[in-house]
């Protein structure tokens, strides 16, 4: 009889601990949930493709056990029809403050110019005038298989057309 009461007590203690954790982590859980929804909204645009995404599951946050909150993502926007090799990669990181000029909640944007025939790419950054400029030190980097498959083995033409038709004010 004593074993049954010990088991019941352990279950009650575990349930109380989980309830307390839920109550104390609720504000952070709501922030992570909203952040995840914002990334998923951007990710659902017809001209974006996800390069990488990491879910945040923490021991002390019970909601994360069941809901994988996005903590980091790299989402690539199809090249503009006037700049066919230049892809914009948006970085999202829950643990980094977004800049004031962030449009979609991103913490940064870089350009990647793909040279598929050579299996190379170069990085571009936005200059003070808002134009992408190639970094001299990051030209002609070798693509690995993931990069080549992502940028070169995929037909971006339909997505580029959809990007051209996109109006950010409708977002």
Foldseek 3Di string as FASTA:
>chain_A
DVVVVVVVVVVVVVVVLLVVLQVVCVVVVVVLVVLQVLVVVVCPQLFKDWLDWAFDADPSHVVCVPPGRTAWTWMWGQDAPVQRQKIKIFIAGNVDQADPPDLSRTNAIWIWGDDLVLQFIFIWHQDPVRDTDTDPVGGGHHHDPSRNCVRPVDDSVVSNVSVVVDDSVVD
